[in-house]
Structures are given as C-alpha cells and as structure tokens.
Amino acid sequence: MKECADIELLQPLKGLSSEAVDEAFKDFKVSTDFKNAVVEKATISMTES
C-alpha cells in the first residue's frame, strides 16, 4: 500500500493531472478537449465536496 502512496499519478486528493489523464486514455483516441474536460470535471468535483 505504501508504494501506491508514493506514485504521484495516484494521488486522488490532488485532483487529476493531465499526465494521469493521458496515461488513462493512452489506448483510446480521445481529443485534447475531452482530456481537458476530464481534468476540469475532476477539479470541480474535488472543490464541491
């Protein structure tokens, strides 16, 4: 479990980084706008809680 705490991409309380979204969607053909929207929605969700 400690190993996961050290992986920067897996830090949910920091929101989603563009690098994390790129990694998650690397096998799919999604637009940059879509990836930016995912990051933005995650930020909104984190602040509304």
N, C-alpha and C. Protein backbone atom coordinates (compact mmCIF):
# COMPACT_ATOMS: atom_id res chain seq x y z
N MET A 1 0.82 -1.20 0.00
CA MET A 1 0.00 0.00 0.00
C MET A 1 0.87 1.26 0.00
N LYS A 2 1.97 1.23 0.70
CA LYS A 2 2.88 2.37 0.75
C LYS A 2 3.37 2.74 -0.64
N GLU A 3 3.58 1.72 -1.51
CA GLU A 3 4.06 2.01 -2.85
C GLU A 3 3.08 2.90 -3.60
N CYS A 4 1.78 2.66 -3.44
CA CYS A 4 0.76 3.48 -4.11
C CYS A 4 0.79 4.92 -3.60
N ALA A 5 1.06 5.09 -2.34
CA ALA A 5 1.10 6.44 -1.76
C ALA A 5 2.24 7.26 -2.35
N ASP A 6 3.24 6.58 -2.85
CA ASP A 6 4.38 7.28 -3.42
C ASP A 6 4.26 7.55 -4.91
N ILE A 7 3.26 6.98 -5.57
CA ILE A 7 3.07 7.18 -7.00
C ILE A 7 2.29 8.48 -7.22
N GLU A 8 2.94 9.46 -7.79
CA GLU A 8 2.36 10.79 -7.94
C GLU A 8 1.06 10.79 -8.75
N LEU A 9 0.95 9.91 -9.77
CA LEU A 9 -0.27 9.88 -10.59
C LEU A 9 -1.49 9.36 -9.83
N LEU A 10 -1.26 8.67 -8.72
CA LEU A 10 -2.36 8.06 -7.97
C LEU A 10 -2.67 8.80 -6.68
N GLN A 11 -2.71 10.10 -6.74
CA GLN A 11 -2.99 10.91 -5.56
C GLN A 11 -4.34 11.61 -5.75
N PRO A 12 -5.45 10.94 -5.39
CA PRO A 12 -6.78 11.48 -5.69
C PRO A 12 -7.10 12.81 -5.01
N LEU A 13 -6.52 13.08 -3.87
CA LEU A 13 -6.83 14.34 -3.20
C LEU A 13 -6.16 15.53 -3.85
N LYS A 14 -5.26 15.29 -4.76
CA LYS A 14 -4.62 16.37 -5.51
C LYS A 14 -5.34 16.64 -6.82
N GLY A 15 -6.41 15.90 -7.10
CA GLY A 15 -7.12 16.04 -8.37
C GLY A 15 -6.40 15.25 -9.45
N LEU A 16 -6.87 15.38 -10.65
CA LEU A 16 -6.25 14.68 -11.77
C LEU A 16 -5.28 15.59 -12.49
N SER A 17 -4.13 15.05 -12.78
CA SER A 17 -3.17 15.80 -13.58
C SER A 17 -3.38 15.43 -15.05
N SER A 18 -2.91 16.28 -15.92
CA SER A 18 -3.02 15.96 -17.35
C SER A 18 -2.22 14.70 -17.68
N GLU A 19 -1.12 14.47 -16.96
CA GLU A 19 -0.32 13.27 -17.17
C GLU A 19 -1.11 12.02 -16.81
N ALA A 20 -1.86 12.07 -15.72
CA ALA A 20 -2.67 10.93 -15.30
C ALA A 20 -3.76 10.64 -16.33
N VAL A 21 -4.38 11.68 -16.84
CA VAL A 21 -5.43 11.51 -17.84
C VAL A 21 -4.84 10.96 -19.14
N ASP A 22 -3.69 11.49 -19.54
CA ASP A 22 -3.00 10.97 -20.74
C ASP A 22 -2.72 9.48 -20.58
N GLU A 23 -2.24 9.09 -19.43
CA GLU A 23 -1.92 7.68 -19.17
C GLU A 23 -3.19 6.82 -19.19
N ALA A 24 -4.26 7.32 -18.59
CA ALA A 24 -5.51 6.56 -18.53
C ALA A 24 -6.13 6.35 -19.91
N PHE A 25 -5.99 7.33 -20.80
CA PHE A 25 -6.62 7.25 -22.12
C PHE A 25 -5.64 6.95 -23.25
N LYS A 26 -4.44 6.48 -22.90
CA LYS A 26 -3.41 6.28 -23.92
C LYS A 26 -3.82 5.26 -24.99
N ASP A 27 -4.69 4.31 -24.66
CA ASP A 27 -5.11 3.30 -25.63
C ASP A 27 -6.36 3.70 -26.41
N PHE A 28 -6.87 4.89 -26.14
CA PHE A 28 -8.09 5.37 -26.79
C PHE A 28 -7.78 6.62 -27.60
N LYS A 29 -8.56 6.85 -28.62
CA LYS A 29 -8.39 8.06 -29.43
C LYS A 29 -9.38 9.11 -28.95
N VAL A 30 -8.94 9.89 -27.98
CA VAL A 30 -9.78 10.97 -27.47
C VAL A 30 -9.08 12.30 -27.73
N SER A 31 -9.87 13.32 -27.88
CA SER A 31 -9.31 14.64 -28.20
C SER A 31 -8.68 15.29 -26.97
N THR A 32 -7.87 16.28 -27.23
CA THR A 32 -7.28 17.07 -26.15
C THR A 32 -8.37 17.79 -25.37
N ASP A 33 -9.41 18.25 -26.08
CA ASP A 33 -10.52 18.92 -25.40
C ASP A 33 -11.21 17.97 -24.42
N PHE A 34 -11.38 16.72 -24.82
CA PHE A 34 -12.01 15.73 -23.93
C PHE A 34 -11.15 15.53 -22.69
N LYS A 35 -9.84 15.37 -22.88
CA LYS A 35 -8.95 15.16 -21.74
C LYS A 35 -8.96 16.38 -20.81
N ASN A 36 -8.97 17.57 -21.40
CA ASN A 36 -9.03 18.79 -20.58
C ASN A 36 -10.33 18.84 -19.78
N ALA A 37 -11.43 18.41 -20.39
CA ALA A 37 -12.72 18.39 -19.70
C ALA A 37 -12.70 17.41 -18.53
N VAL A 38 -12.04 16.29 -18.70
CA VAL A 38 -11.93 15.31 -17.61
C VAL A 38 -11.18 15.92 -16.43
N VAL A 39 -10.08 16.60 -16.70
CA VAL A 39 -9.31 17.25 -15.64
C VAL A 39 -10.15 18.32 -14.97
N GLU A 40 -10.86 19.12 -15.77
CA GLU A 40 -11.70 20.19 -15.22
C GLU A 40 -12.82 19.64 -14.35
N LYS A 41 -13.49 18.59 -14.81
CA LYS A 41 -14.58 17.98 -14.02
C LYS A 41 -14.05 17.42 -12.71
N ALA A 42 -12.87 16.82 -12.74
CA ALA A 42 -12.29 16.29 -11.50
C ALA A 42 -11.99 17.40 -10.52
N THR A 43 -11.53 18.54 -11.02
CA THR A 43 -11.24 19.69 -10.18
C THR A 43 -12.52 20.20 -9.54
N ILE A 44 -13.58 20.32 -10.34
CA ILE A 44 -14.87 20.79 -9.83
C ILE A 44 -15.39 19.83 -8.77
N SER A 45 -15.31 18.53 -9.02
CA SER A 45 -15.78 17.54 -8.06
C SER A 45 -15.02 17.63 -6.75
N MET A 46 -13.72 17.87 -6.84
CA MET A 46 -12.91 17.95 -5.64
C MET A 46 -13.27 19.18 -4.80
N THR A 47 -13.64 20.28 -5.44
CA THR A 47 -13.93 21.50 -4.70
C THR A 47 -15.37 21.54 -4.20
N GLU A 48 -16.27 20.78 -4.81
CA GLU A 48 -17.67 20.80 -4.38
C GLU A 48 -17.94 19.88 -3.20
N SER A 49 -17.04 18.99 -2.88
CA SER A 49 -17.24 18.03 -1.79
C SER A 49 -17.25 18.68 -0.44
